[in-house]
């Protein structure tokens, strides 16, 4: 599966919107905000890393996992 630059930019917009709307009240909210900030930084790195891709060009590709357990979300 591959992500185009356009998809990564859309994901980045969604993460930034969610961060701007969040109100941090407790540890769980802080943990979620920290996770979203890390996601934002990773998406920015995907967009800016390497040579600039043409619109619709592949930015990142992922292999499908076929074996193993899913990672627990904590």
Protein backbone atom coordinates (compact mmCIF):
# COMPACT_ATOMS: atom_id res chain seq x y z
CA UNK A 1 0.00 0.00 0.00
CA UNK A 2 1.36 3.41 -0.90
CA UNK A 3 0.49 6.90 0.32
CA UNK A 4 0.60 9.80 -2.09
CA UNK A 5 1.74 13.28 -1.11
CA UNK A 6 -1.86 14.48 -1.30
CA UNK A 7 -3.02 11.81 1.17
CA UNK A 8 -0.21 12.62 3.62
CA UNK A 9 -1.04 16.33 3.42
CA UNK A 10 -4.71 15.58 4.11
CA UNK A 11 -3.78 13.43 7.11
CA UNK A 12 -1.54 16.24 8.37
CA UNK A 13 -4.42 18.72 8.07
CA UNK A 14 -6.72 16.39 10.01
CA UNK A 15 -4.18 15.89 12.80
CA UNK A 16 -3.60 19.64 13.08
CA UNK A 17 -7.35 20.32 13.21
CA UNK A 18 -7.82 17.73 15.96
CA UNK A 19 -4.91 19.22 17.94
CA UNK A 20 -6.33 22.73 17.65
CA UNK A 21 -9.73 21.57 18.92
CA UNK A 22 -8.42 19.52 21.85
CA UNK A 23 -8.78 20.63 25.42
CA UNK A 24 -6.37 18.88 27.76
CA UNK A 25 -7.92 18.09 31.14
CA UNK A 26 -6.19 14.95 32.37
CA UNK A 27 -3.35 12.50 31.72
CA UNK A 28 -5.28 10.66 29.03
CA UNK A 29 -5.81 13.89 27.09
CA UNK A 30 -2.13 14.75 27.52
CA UNK A 31 -1.15 11.32 26.21
CA UNK A 32 -3.41 11.71 23.18
CA UNK A 33 -2.09 15.21 22.45
CA UNK A 34 1.49 13.96 22.70
CA UNK A 35 0.70 11.10 20.32
CA UNK A 36 -0.94 13.48 17.84
CA UNK A 37 2.05 15.84 18.00
CA UNK A 38 4.36 12.91 17.22
CA UNK A 39 2.09 11.95 14.31
CA UNK A 40 2.17 15.51 13.03
CA UNK A 41 5.96 15.59 13.18
CA UNK A 42 6.22 12.24 11.38
CA UNK A 43 3.82 13.35 8.64
CA UNK A 44 5.79 16.58 8.16
CA UNK A 45 8.96 14.51 7.86
CA UNK A 46 7.32 12.30 5.23
CA UNK A 47 6.32 15.35 3.20
CA UNK A 48 9.62 17.23 3.46
CA UNK A 49 11.98 14.25 3.34
CA UNK A 50 13.72 13.43 0.08
CA UNK A 51 13.09 14.97 -3.29
CA UNK A 52 9.80 16.79 -3.76
CA UNK A 53 7.24 14.43 -5.23
CA UNK A 54 4.93 15.42 -8.04
CA UNK A 55 1.24 15.66 -7.20
CA UNK A 56 -0.04 12.13 -6.77
CA UNK A 57 3.45 10.62 -6.56
CA UNK A 58 4.18 8.03 -3.90
CA UNK A 59 5.57 9.45 -0.65
CA UNK A 60 5.54 6.35 1.55
CA UNK A 61 4.77 2.70 1.01
CA UNK A 62 3.82 0.07 3.55
CA UNK A 63 3.85 -3.70 3.34
CA UNK A 64 0.75 -5.48 4.57
CA UNK A 65 1.26 -7.53 7.70
CA UNK A 66 0.06 -11.07 7.33
CA UNK A 67 1.32 -12.70 10.53
CA UNK A 68 1.61 -11.73 14.14
CA UNK A 69 -0.53 -10.08 16.73
CA UNK A 70 -1.80 -6.56 16.49
CA UNK A 71 -0.11 -4.08 18.76
CA UNK A 72 -2.17 -3.10 21.78
CA UNK A 73 -3.25 0.53 21.85
CA UNK A 74 -2.59 1.93 25.29
